[in-house]
Amino acid sequence: MPDHHDDRRSPLSRLAAQEEALYLRRSSTRFLECAIHLCVTHMTLGEVADLLEQEARQLRQHG
């Protein structure tokens, strides 16, 4: 991914890079939400919550 702090790029290029980053963030969040909803169709809410908490702990420890 390009460096968002590179002042040598044109204003249009900077705007495009910012919008791309926002789009990718929204898309990633939407994908995560869909994955959670899919899990809930085959697991209990408690199981999904436990799984997400475990993943969050791993991200905090190793991320």
N, C-alpha and C. Protein backbone atom coordinates (compact mmCIF):
# COMPACT_ATOMS: atom_id res chain seq x y z
N MET A 1 0.85 -1.17 0.00
CA MET A 1 0.00 0.00 0.00
C MET A 1 0.90 1.23 0.00
N PRO A 2 0.52 2.24 -0.75
CA PRO A 2 1.36 3.44 -0.83
C PRO A 2 1.44 4.18 0.49
N ASP A 3 2.52 4.92 0.64
CA ASP A 3 2.71 5.74 1.83
C ASP A 3 1.75 6.92 1.78
N HIS A 4 0.88 7.03 2.78
CA HIS A 4 -0.12 8.09 2.79
C HIS A 4 0.46 9.45 3.19
N HIS A 5 1.72 9.48 3.56
CA HIS A 5 2.34 10.73 3.99
C HIS A 5 3.34 11.26 2.96
N ASP A 6 3.29 10.75 1.75
CA ASP A 6 4.20 11.15 0.68
C ASP A 6 3.66 12.43 0.04
N ASP A 7 4.26 13.57 0.38
CA ASP A 7 3.77 14.87 -0.09
C ASP A 7 4.12 15.14 -1.56
N ARG A 8 4.89 14.24 -2.18
CA ARG A 8 5.26 14.46 -3.58
C ARG A 8 4.12 14.09 -4.53
N ARG A 9 3.13 13.38 -4.02
CA ARG A 9 2.01 12.99 -4.88
C ARG A 9 1.08 14.17 -5.10
N SER A 10 0.35 14.11 -6.18
CA SER A 10 -0.61 15.17 -6.47
C SER A 10 -1.78 15.10 -5.49
N PRO A 11 -2.48 16.21 -5.31
CA PRO A 11 -3.65 16.19 -4.42
C PRO A 11 -4.67 15.13 -4.82
N LEU A 12 -4.85 14.93 -6.11
CA LEU A 12 -5.79 13.92 -6.57
C LEU A 12 -5.32 12.52 -6.20
N SER A 13 -4.04 12.26 -6.32
CA SER A 13 -3.49 10.96 -5.94
C SER A 13 -3.63 10.72 -4.45
N ARG A 14 -3.39 11.76 -3.66
CA ARG A 14 -3.56 11.63 -2.21
C ARG A 14 -5.01 11.35 -1.85
N LEU A 15 -5.93 12.06 -2.47
CA LEU A 15 -7.36 11.86 -2.22
C LEU A 15 -7.77 10.45 -2.62
N ALA A 16 -7.29 9.99 -3.78
CA ALA A 16 -7.62 8.64 -4.24
C ALA A 16 -7.10 7.59 -3.24
N ALA A 17 -5.90 7.78 -2.74
CA ALA A 17 -5.31 6.84 -1.78
C ALA A 17 -6.11 6.84 -0.48
N GLN A 18 -6.53 8.01 -0.02
CA GLN A 18 -7.33 8.10 1.20
C GLN A 18 -8.67 7.40 1.02
N GLU A 19 -9.31 7.62 -0.10
CA GLU A 19 -10.61 7.00 -0.37
C GLU A 19 -10.48 5.49 -0.52
N GLU A 20 -9.39 5.06 -1.13
CA GLU A 20 -9.15 3.62 -1.26
C GLU A 20 -8.99 2.99 0.12
N ALA A 21 -8.23 3.63 0.99
CA ALA A 21 -8.03 3.10 2.34
C ALA A 21 -9.35 3.03 3.10
N LEU A 22 -10.18 4.06 2.96
CA LEU A 22 -11.49 4.05 3.63
C LEU A 22 -12.37 2.93 3.08
N TYR A 23 -12.37 2.75 1.77
CA TYR A 23 -13.16 1.69 1.15
C TYR A 23 -12.71 0.32 1.65
N LEU A 24 -11.40 0.09 1.69
CA LEU A 24 -10.88 -1.20 2.13
C LEU A 24 -11.22 -1.45 3.60
N ARG A 25 -11.17 -0.42 4.40
CA ARG A 25 -11.53 -0.56 5.82
C ARG A 25 -13.00 -0.93 5.95
N ARG A 26 -13.88 -0.21 5.22
CA ARG A 26 -15.32 -0.52 5.28
C ARG A 26 -15.59 -1.93 4.76
N SER A 27 -14.94 -2.31 3.69
CA SER A 27 -15.14 -3.65 3.12
C SER A 27 -14.68 -4.73 4.09
N SER A 28 -13.57 -4.51 4.74
CA SER A 28 -13.06 -5.48 5.71
C SER A 28 -14.01 -5.60 6.90
N THR A 29 -14.52 -4.48 7.36
CA THR A 29 -15.46 -4.50 8.47
C THR A 29 -16.74 -5.23 8.08
N ARG A 30 -17.23 -4.97 6.89
CA ARG A 30 -18.44 -5.64 6.41
C ARG A 30 -18.21 -7.15 6.28
N PHE A 31 -17.03 -7.55 5.79
CA PHE A 31 -16.70 -8.97 5.68
C PHE A 31 -16.71 -9.63 7.05
N LEU A 32 -16.11 -8.96 8.04
CA LEU A 32 -16.08 -9.49 9.40
C LEU A 32 -17.49 -9.65 9.95
N GLU A 33 -18.33 -8.64 9.73
CA GLU A 33 -19.72 -8.72 10.19
C GLU A 33 -20.44 -9.91 9.55
N CYS A 34 -20.24 -10.12 8.27
CA CYS A 34 -20.86 -11.26 7.57
C CYS A 34 -20.36 -12.58 8.14
N ALA A 35 -19.07 -12.66 8.42
CA ALA A 35 -18.50 -13.89 8.97
C ALA A 35 -19.09 -14.17 10.36
N ILE A 36 -19.26 -13.14 11.15
CA ILE A 36 -19.86 -13.31 12.48
C ILE A 36 -21.29 -13.80 12.34
N HIS A 37 -22.05 -13.21 11.43
CA HIS A 37 -23.44 -13.63 11.22
C HIS A 37 -23.49 -15.09 10.75
N LEU A 38 -22.56 -15.49 9.91
CA LEU A 38 -22.51 -16.88 9.46
C LEU A 38 -22.23 -17.81 10.64
N CYS A 39 -21.28 -17.44 11.49
CA CYS A 39 -20.98 -18.25 12.67
C CYS A 39 -22.22 -18.42 13.54
N VAL A 40 -22.98 -17.36 13.70
CA VAL A 40 -24.17 -17.40 14.56
C VAL A 40 -25.22 -18.36 14.01
N THR A 41 -25.20 -18.62 12.71
CA THR A 41 -26.18 -19.56 12.16
C THR A 41 -25.86 -21.00 12.53
N HIS A 42 -24.62 -21.28 12.96
CA HIS A 42 -24.21 -22.65 13.26
C HIS A 42 -23.65 -22.82 14.67
N MET A 43 -23.60 -21.74 15.43
CA MET A 43 -23.07 -21.78 16.80
C MET A 43 -23.99 -20.95 17.68
N THR A 44 -23.87 -21.15 18.98
CA THR A 44 -24.63 -20.31 19.90
C THR A 44 -23.97 -18.93 19.98
N LEU A 45 -24.74 -17.96 20.42
CA LEU A 45 -24.17 -16.63 20.60
C LEU A 45 -23.01 -16.65 21.59
N GLY A 46 -23.13 -17.44 22.64
CA GLY A 46 -22.05 -17.55 23.62
C GLY A 46 -20.78 -18.13 23.01
N GLU A 47 -20.94 -19.14 22.16
CA GLU A 47 -19.77 -19.73 21.50
C GLU A 47 -19.10 -18.73 20.57
N VAL A 48 -19.90 -17.98 19.85
CA VAL A 48 -19.34 -16.97 18.95
C VAL A 48 -18.62 -15.89 19.76
N ALA A 49 -19.24 -15.45 20.85
CA ALA A 49 -18.61 -14.43 21.69
C ALA A 49 -17.29 -14.93 22.27
N ASP A 50 -17.28 -16.19 22.72
CA ASP A 50 -16.04 -16.77 23.25
C ASP A 50 -14.96 -16.82 22.18
N LEU A 51 -15.34 -17.23 20.99
CA LEU A 51 -14.40 -17.30 19.87
C LEU A 51 -13.83 -15.91 19.56
N LEU A 52 -14.69 -14.91 19.49
CA LEU A 52 -14.23 -13.56 19.19
C LEU A 52 -13.33 -13.01 20.29
N GLU A 53 -13.66 -13.30 21.54
CA GLU A 53 -12.81 -12.86 22.65
C GLU A 53 -11.44 -13.52 22.59
N GLN A 54 -11.41 -14.80 22.24
CA GLN A 54 -10.14 -15.51 22.09
C GLN A 54 -9.31 -14.89 20.97
N GLU A 55 -9.94 -14.61 19.84
CA GLU A 55 -9.24 -13.98 18.73
C GLU A 55 -8.72 -12.59 19.11
N ALA A 56 -9.54 -11.84 19.84
CA ALA A 56 -9.13 -10.49 20.27
C ALA A 56 -7.91 -10.56 21.19
N ARG A 57 -7.91 -11.53 22.11
CA ARG A 57 -6.75 -11.70 23.00
C ARG A 57 -5.49 -12.00 22.19
N GLN A 58 -5.62 -12.89 21.20
CA GLN A 58 -4.46 -13.24 20.37
C GLN A 58 -3.95 -12.03 19.59
N LEU A 59 -4.87 -11.24 19.07
CA LEU A 59 -4.47 -10.03 18.33
C LEU A 59 -3.73 -9.05 19.24
N ARG A 60 -4.23 -8.89 20.46
CA ARG A 60 -3.58 -7.96 21.39
C ARG A 60 -2.19 -8.46 21.79
N GLN A 61 -2.06 -9.77 21.97
CA GLN A 61 -0.78 -10.34 22.38
C GLN A 61 0.25 -10.34 21.25
N HIS A 62 -0.20 -10.65 20.04
CA HIS A 62 0.74 -10.86 18.94
C HIS A 62 0.65 -9.81 17.84
N GLY A 63 -0.31 -8.92 17.96
CA GLY A 63 -0.54 -7.94 16.90
C GLY A 63 0.21 -6.71 17.13
